[in-house]
C-alpha atoms as a PDB file:
ATOM      1  CA  MET A   1       8.811  14.309  -1.090  1.00  0.00           C
ATOM      2  CA  THR A   2      12.370  14.378   1.200  1.00  0.00           C
ATOM      3  CA  GLY A   3      12.185  10.370   1.189  1.00  0.00           C
ATOM      4  CA  PHE A   4       9.758   8.193  -1.167  1.00  0.00           C
ATOM      5  CA  GLY A   5      10.372   4.467  -0.025  1.00  0.00           C
ATOM      6  CA  TRP A   6       9.703   1.746  -2.266  1.00  0.00           C
ATOM      7  CA  CYS A   7       9.738  -1.853  -2.455  1.00  0.00           C
ATOM      8  CA  VAL A   8       9.383  -5.032  -4.790  1.00  0.00           C
ATOM      9  CA  HIS A   9       8.288  -7.908  -2.574  1.00  0.00           C
ATOM     10  CA  ASP A  10       8.060 -11.332  -3.907  1.00  0.00           C
ATOM     11  CA  SER A  11       5.097 -13.453  -2.172  1.00  0.00           C
ATOM     12  CA  ASP A  12       6.308 -16.698  -2.717  1.00  0.00           C
ATOM     13  CA  ALA A  13       9.521 -16.431  -0.972  1.00  0.00           C
ATOM     14  CA  VAL A  14      10.434 -16.466   2.382  1.00  0.00           C
ATOM     15  CA  GLY A  15      12.508 -14.336   4.906  1.00  0.00           C
ATOM     16  CA  PRO A  16      15.024 -11.926   3.221  1.00  0.00           C
ATOM     17  CA  ARG A  17      14.394 -13.686  -0.057  1.00  0.00           C
ATOM     18  CA  ARG A  18      11.045 -11.996  -0.011  1.00  0.00           C
ATOM     19  CA  VAL A  19      12.448  -8.759  -0.982  1.00  0.00           C
ATOM     20  CA  ILE A  20      13.710  -8.521  -4.444  1.00  0.00           C
ATOM     21  CA  ALA A  21      14.752  -4.904  -4.138  1.00  0.00           C
ATOM     22  CA  ARG A  22      13.892  -1.786  -1.831  1.00  0.00           C
ATOM     23  CA  GLY A  23      15.267   1.666  -2.134  1.00  0.00           C
ATOM     24  CA  CYS A  24      14.448   5.439  -1.247  1.00  0.00           C
ATOM     25  CA  PHE A  25      14.138   8.348  -3.802  1.00  0.00           C
ATOM     26  CA  VAL A  26      15.028  11.527  -2.628  1.00  0.00           C
ATOM     27  CA  THR A  27      14.156  15.282  -3.397  1.00  0.00           C
ATOM     28  CA  THR A  28      15.024  18.531  -1.473  1.00  0.00           C
ATOM     29  CA  PRO A  29      12.986  21.366  -0.801  1.00  0.00           C
ATOM     30  CA  LYS A  30      15.829  23.600  -2.235  1.00  0.00           C
ATOM     31  CA  GLN A  31      14.287  22.290  -5.603  1.00  0.00           C
ATOM     32  CA  ILE A  32      11.168  24.194  -7.377  1.00  0.00           C
ATOM     33  CA  PHE A  33       7.937  22.143  -6.119  1.00  0.00           C
ATOM     34  CA  ILE A  34       6.988  20.833  -9.277  1.00  0.00           C
ATOM     35  CA  ALA A  35      10.470  19.543 -10.583  1.00  0.00           C
ATOM     36  CA  ARG A  36       9.943  17.630  -7.155  1.00  0.00           C
ATOM     37  CA  TYR A  37       6.682  15.532  -8.355  1.00  0.00           C
ATOM     38  CA  MET A  38       7.869  15.425 -12.196  1.00  0.00           C
ATOM     39  CA  TYR A  39      11.246  13.631 -10.521  1.00  0.00           C
ATOM     40  CA  LEU A  40       8.811  11.570  -8.195  1.00  0.00           C
ATOM     41  CA  ARG A  41       6.729  10.519 -11.081  1.00  0.00           C
ATOM     42  CA  ASP A  42       9.479   9.670 -13.677  1.00  0.00           C
ATOM     43  CA  GLN A  43      11.263   7.463 -10.769  1.00  0.00           C
ATOM     44  CA  VAL A  44       8.309   5.361 -10.313  1.00  0.00           C
ATOM     45  CA  HIS A  45       7.531   5.190 -13.841  1.00  0.00           C
ATOM     46  CA  ALA A  46      11.234   3.789 -14.611  1.00  0.00           C
ATOM     47  CA  LEU A  47      10.836   1.883 -11.995  1.00  0.00           C
ATOM     48  CA  LEU A  48       7.736  -0.112 -13.165  1.00  0.00           C
ATOM     49  CA  LEU A  49       9.864  -0.358 -16.479  1.00  0.00           C
ATOM     50  CA  LYS A  50      12.809  -1.902 -15.086  1.00  0.00           C
ATOM     51  CA  TYR A  51      10.378  -4.735 -13.341  1.00  0.00           C
ATOM     52  CA  PRO A  52       7.662  -5.532 -16.211  1.00  0.00           C
ATOM     53  CA  HIS A  53       6.673  -8.809 -14.405  1.00  0.00           C
ATOM     54  CA  VAL A  54       5.124  -6.952 -11.187  1.00  0.00           C
ATOM     55  CA  ARG A  55       1.952  -6.721 -12.367  1.00  0.00           C
ATOM     56  CA  VAL A  56       0.302  -5.279  -8.889  1.00  0.00           C
ATOM     57  CA  LEU A  57       1.109  -2.541  -6.986  1.00  0.00           C
ATOM     58  CA  GLY A  58       0.193  -1.216  -3.397  1.00  0.00           C
ATOM     59  CA  VAL A  59       0.036   2.554  -2.939  1.00  0.00           C
ATOM     60  CA  GLU A  60      -0.437   4.694   0.494  1.00  0.00           C
ATOM     61  CA  SER A  61      -3.154   7.428  -0.331  1.00  0.00           C
ATOM     62  CA  PRO A  62      -2.355  10.588   1.344  1.00  0.00           C
ATOM     63  CA  PRO A  63      -4.561  11.357   4.903  1.00  0.00           C
ATOM     64  CA  PHE A  64      -7.018  14.587   4.548  1.00  0.00           C
ATOM     65  CA  GLY A  65      -7.252  17.253   7.230  1.00  0.00           C
ATOM     66  CA  GLU A  66      -3.881  16.988   8.128  1.00  0.00           C
ATOM     67  CA  GLN A  67      -0.626  19.054   7.820  1.00  0.00           C
ATOM     68  CA  TRP A  68       0.476  19.738   4.248  1.00  0.00           C
ATOM     69  CA  SER A  69      -2.220  17.041   2.973  1.00  0.00           C
ATOM     70  CA  GLU A  70      -2.399  19.296  -0.458  1.00  0.00           C
ATOM     71  CA  GLY A  71       0.591  18.713  -1.173  1.00  0.00           C
ATOM     72  CA  LEU A  72       0.581  14.610  -0.778  1.00  0.00           C
ATOM     73  CA  TYR A  73      -2.510  14.393  -2.791  1.00  0.00           C
ATOM     74  CA  GLY A  74      -0.575  16.274  -5.283  1.00  0.00           C
ATOM     75  CA  LEU A  75       2.442  13.473  -5.535  1.00  0.00           C
ATOM     76  CA  PHE A  76      -0.470  10.635  -4.948  1.00  0.00           C
ATOM     77  CA  LEU A  77      -2.179  11.914  -8.391  1.00  0.00           C
ATOM     78  CA  TYR A  78       1.474  11.826 -10.012  1.00  0.00           C
ATOM     79  CA  VAL A  79       2.496   8.471  -8.781  1.00  0.00           C
ATOM     80  CA  ASN A  80      -0.957   7.499 -10.160  1.00  0.00           C
ATOM     81  CA  GLU A  81       0.025   9.049 -13.266  1.00  0.00           C
ATOM     82  CA  ALA A  82       2.925   6.465 -13.864  1.00  0.00           C
ATOM     83  CA  VAL A  83       0.926   3.537 -12.440  1.00  0.00           C
ATOM     84  CA  PHE A  84      -2.177   4.251 -15.039  1.00  0.00           C
ATOM     85  CA  ARG A  85       0.463   4.819 -17.932  1.00  0.00           C
ATOM     86  CA  CYS A  86       2.289   1.328 -17.525  1.00  0.00           C
ATOM     87  CA  ARG A  87      -1.296  -0.188 -16.763  1.00  0.00           C
ATOM     88  CA  ARG A  88      -0.510  -1.830 -13.674  1.00  0.00           C
ATOM     89  CA  ASP A  89      -3.300  -2.550 -10.939  1.00  0.00           C
ATOM     90  CA  VAL A  90      -3.167  -0.651  -8.164  1.00  0.00           C
ATOM     91  CA  VAL A  91      -4.582  -0.396  -4.351  1.00  0.00           C
ATOM     92  CA  TYR A  92      -4.483   2.198  -1.791  1.00  0.00           C
ATOM     93  CA  PHE A  93      -4.493   2.026   1.914  1.00  0.00           C
ATOM     94  CA  ASP A  94      -4.664   5.036   3.762  1.00  0.00           C
ATOM     95  CA  PRO A  95      -2.003   5.555   6.905  1.00  0.00           C
ATOM     96  CA  VAL A  96      -4.166   4.164   9.779  1.00  0.00           C
ATOM     97  CA  THR A  97      -4.612   0.786   7.805  1.00  0.00           C
ATOM     98  CA  VAL A  98      -1.236   0.385   6.853  1.00  0.00           C
ATOM     99  CA  LYS A  99       0.081   0.458  10.419  1.00  0.00           C
ATOM    100  CA  MET A 100      -3.015  -1.901  11.686  1.00  0.00           C
ATOM    101  CA  LEU A 101      -1.616  -4.400   9.242  1.00  0.00           C
ATOM    102  CA  ALA A 102       1.582  -4.202  10.357  1.00  0.00           C
ATOM    103  CA  LYS A 103       0.580  -4.644  13.959  1.00  0.00           C
ATOM    104  CA  GLY A 104      -1.231  -7.775  12.501  1.00  0.00           C
ATOM    105  CA  ASP A 105      -4.144  -7.775  14.714  1.00  0.00           C
ATOM    106  CA  PRO A 106      -6.766  -4.891  14.547  1.00  0.00           C
ATOM    107  CA  ALA A 107      -7.417  -5.618  18.206  1.00  0.00           C
ATOM    108  CA  ARG A 108      -4.016  -4.917  19.003  1.00  0.00           C
ATOM    109  CA  LYS A 109      -3.863  -0.691  20.812  1.00  0.00           C
ATOM    110  CA  GLY A 110      -1.233   1.922  20.631  1.00  0.00           C
ATOM    111  CA  LYS A 111       0.568   3.503  18.053  1.00  0.00           C
ATOM    112  CA  MET A 112       2.916   2.347  15.508  1.00  0.00           C
ATOM    113  CA  PHE A 113       5.862   4.799  15.432  1.00  0.00           C
ATOM    114  CA  LYS A 114       8.594   4.877  12.755  1.00  0.00           C
ATOM    115  CA  SER A 115      10.823   2.216  14.481  1.00  0.00           C
ATOM    116  CA  ASP A 116       7.818  -0.233  15.015  1.00  0.00           C
ATOM    117  CA  MET A 117       7.578  -0.084  11.262  1.00  0.00           C
ATOM    118  CA  VAL A 118      11.339  -0.672  10.457  1.00  0.00           C
ATOM    119  CA  SER A 119      10.953  -3.674  13.546  1.00  0.00           C
ATOM    120  CA  ALA A 120       7.792  -5.176  11.730  1.00  0.00           C
ATOM    121  CA  ALA A 121       9.342  -5.140   8.496  1.00  0.00           C
ATOM    122  CA  LEU A 122      12.270  -6.870   9.861  1.00  0.00           C
ATOM    123  CA  ALA A 123      10.228  -9.322  11.733  1.00  0.00           C
ATOM    124  CA  ASP A 124       8.720 -10.108   8.574  1.00  0.00           C
ATOM    125  CA  THR A 125      11.985 -10.909   6.455  1.00  0.00           C
ATOM    126  CA  GLY A 126      14.437 -12.700   8.933  1.00  0.00           C
ATOM    127  CA  GLY A 127      15.553  -9.470  10.639  1.00  0.00           C
ATOM    128  CA  THR A 128      18.492  -8.591   8.508  1.00  0.00           C
ATOM    129  CA  GLY A 129      19.909  -5.627   6.608  1.00  0.00           C
ATOM    130  CA  ARG A 130      19.522  -1.906   7.502  1.00  0.00           C
ATOM    131  CA  TRP A 131      16.069  -0.407   6.848  1.00  0.00           C
ATOM    132  CA  ASN A 132      15.199   3.295   7.238  1.00  0.00           C
ATOM    133  CA  HIS A 133      11.418   3.921   7.853  1.00  0.00           C
ATOM    134  CA  ASN A 134      10.111   5.034   4.171  1.00  0.00           C
ATOM    135  CA  GLU A 135      11.482   0.998   3.028  1.00  0.00           C
ATOM    136  CA  ALA A 136      10.085  -0.343   5.669  1.00  0.00           C
ATOM    137  CA  ASP A 137       6.728   1.390   5.362  1.00  0.00           C
ATOM    138  CA  ALA A 138       7.018   0.378   1.196  1.00  0.00           C
ATOM    139  CA  TYR A 139       7.832  -2.887   2.275  1.00  0.00           C
ATOM    140  CA  LEU A 140       4.746  -3.512   4.583  1.00  0.00           C
ATOM    141  CA  ILE A 141       2.276  -1.885   1.659  1.00  0.00           C
ATOM    142  CA  ALA A 142       4.104  -3.989  -0.794  1.00  0.00           C
ATOM    143  CA  ARG A 143       3.378  -7.394   1.373  1.00  0.00           C
ATOM    144  CA  SER A 144      -0.201  -6.429   1.911  1.00  0.00           C
ATOM    145  CA  ALA A 145      -0.988  -5.287  -1.553  1.00  0.00           C
ATOM    146  CA  ALA A 146       0.537  -8.660  -2.443  1.00  0.00           C
ATOM    147  CA  ARG A 147      -2.169 -10.307  -0.029  1.00  0.00           C
ATOM    148  CA  PHE A 148      -4.993  -8.260  -1.285  1.00  0.00           C
ATOM    149  CA  TRP A 149      -4.389  -9.118  -4.948  1.00  0.00           C
ATOM    150  CA  GLN A 150      -4.419 -12.450  -4.200  1.00  0.00           C
ATOM    151  CA  LEU A 151      -7.649 -12.163  -2.850  1.00  0.00           C
ATOM    152  CA  ALA A 152      -9.132 -10.234  -5.433  1.00  0.00           C
ATOM    153  CA  ASN A 153      -7.721 -12.638  -8.064  1.00  0.00           C
ATOM    154  CA  GLY A 154      -8.953 -15.924  -6.440  1.00  0.00           C
ATOM    155  CA  VAL A 155      -5.679 -17.006  -5.410  1.00  0.00           C
ATOM    156  CA  ILE A 156      -6.555 -17.110  -1.850  1.00  0.00           C
ATOM    157  CA  GLN A 157     -10.061 -17.201   0.063  1.00  0.00           C
ATOM    158  CA  ALA A 158     -11.068 -14.766   2.576  1.00  0.00           C
ATOM    159  CA  GLU A 159     -10.888 -17.673   5.183  1.00  0.00           C
ATOM    160  CA  SER A 160      -7.098 -17.571   4.582  1.00  0.00           C
ATOM    161  CA  LEU A 161      -6.982 -13.911   5.963  1.00  0.00           C
ATOM    162  CA  THR A 162      -4.961 -12.750   8.881  1.00  0.00           C
ATOM    163  CA  SER A 163      -7.451 -10.951  11.459  1.00  0.00           C
ATOM    164  CA  ALA A 164      -6.326  -7.638  10.061  1.00  0.00           C
ATOM    165  CA  GLU A 165      -6.308  -8.321   6.829  1.00  0.00           C
ATOM    166  CA  ALA A 166      -9.972  -9.553   6.986  1.00  0.00           C
ATOM    167  CA  GLN A 167     -10.850  -6.245   8.739  1.00  0.00           C
ATOM    168  CA  SER A 168      -9.306  -3.998   5.891  1.00  0.00           C
ATOM    169  CA  PHE A 169      -9.766  -6.594   2.841  1.00  0.00           C
ATOM    170  CA  ALA A 170     -13.401  -7.899   3.534  1.00  0.00           C
ATOM    171  CA  ARG A 171     -15.015  -5.889   6.517  1.00  0.00           C
ATOM    172  CA  THR A 172     -18.879  -6.080   6.713  1.00  0.00           C
ATOM    173  CA  HIS A 173     -21.250  -5.067   9.149  1.00  0.00           C
ATOM    174  CA  THR A 174     -24.956  -6.108   9.690  1.00  0.00           C
ATOM    175  CA  PHE A 175     -27.197  -3.921  12.205  1.00  0.00           C
ATOM    176  CA  THR A 176     -29.066  -5.843  14.547  1.00  0.00           C
ATOM    177  CA  LYS A 177     -31.094  -2.709  15.888  1.00  0.00           C
ATOM    178  CA  GLY A 178     -32.982   0.140  14.962  1.00  0.00           C
ATOM    179  CA  ARG A 179     -34.622   1.118  11.145  1.00  0.00           C
ATOM    180  CA  ARG A 180     -31.543  -0.848   9.218  1.00  0.00           C
ATOM    181  CA  LYS A 181     -31.634  -3.606  11.209  1.00  0.00           C
ATOM    182  CA  GLY A 182     -30.809  -6.874   8.870  1.00  0.00           C
ATOM    183  CA  GLU A 183     -29.196  -4.352   6.524  1.00  0.00           C
ATOM    184  CA  THR A 184     -25.357  -5.424   5.438  1.00  0.00           C
ATOM    185  CA  VAL A 185     -22.564  -2.909   4.915  1.00  0.00           C
ATOM    186  CA  LYS A 186     -19.939  -3.853   2.709  1.00  0.00           C
ATOM    187  CA  SER A 187     -16.714  -1.524   3.499  1.00  0.00           C
ATOM    188  CA  GLY A 188     -13.649  -3.652   2.876  1.00  0.00           C
ATOM    189  CA  LEU A 189     -11.474  -2.971   0.307  1.00  0.00           C
ATOM    190  CA  ILE A 190     -12.534  -6.121  -1.919  1.00  0.00           C
ATOM    191  CA  TYR A 191     -15.948  -4.298  -2.099  1.00  0.00           C
ATOM    192  CA  ARG A 192     -14.570  -0.997  -3.517  1.00  0.00           C
ATOM    193  CA  GLU A 193     -13.519  -1.506  -7.164  1.00  0.00           C
ATOM    194  CA  LYS A 194     -13.037   1.875  -8.772  1.00  0.00           C
ATOM    195  CA  ASP A 195     -12.669   3.664  -5.248  1.00  0.00           C
ATOM    196  CA  ARG A 196      -9.905   1.947  -3.629  1.00  0.00           C
ATOM    197  CA  PHE A 197      -8.362  -0.352  -5.970  1.00  0.00           C
ATOM    198  CA  PHE A 198      -7.961  -0.138  -9.692  1.00  0.00           C
ATOM    199  CA  ARG A 199      -7.380  -2.762 -12.499  1.00  0.00           C
ATOM    200  CA  PHE A 200      -5.476  -0.434 -14.793  1.00  0.00           C
ATOM    201  CA  SER A 201      -4.389  -3.520 -16.814  1.00  0.00           C
ATOM    202  CA  GLN A 202      -7.925  -3.797 -18.179  1.00  0.00           C
ATOM    203  CA  VAL A 203      -7.848  -0.055 -19.568  1.00  0.00           C
ATOM    204  CA  PRO A 204      -6.957  -0.316 -23.119  1.00  0.00           C
ATOM    205  CA  GLU A 205      -3.621   1.400 -24.252  1.00  0.00           C
END
């Protein structure tokens, strides 16, 4: 609520040119809570109108059972109102997945701290400029969302995904033992339309 990071990402560019724009919307606890939600919703809406060519988005979804989860879910709903009003397609990444995609390797152990997220964003954009962690998170989500939507829209195939992307986007598991032997469970994001991603562009105005 105090620092809402955002980023406009160009998946066709390399280095610093991948970042078309980035920034952070700020509110203060001195404001009444509903005004903060409304302000952030309106800022997201204005940003989408400013970049009409951006048709696909990624949004971090809130964790449940954590400190102030209810407040974060409230913000999530307000953000989605702006996304829906502009009829943009959107995919949701939970915080654990965001960090796993930032690492680039699901097998790597250890936590990703704020400074690590900034380092990952800098490494992917040529290591230039000053970033805060909210912008870095937003960039890494935008980068992953671009890759997800390329997969969903047939621009790339599953074979071209990184190991982390394959784990998040296209994960499947086939049971080899027990009563469920031979059963395949598809849990990757690509199999969860209308749950973890939405094509709002197809909903009539």
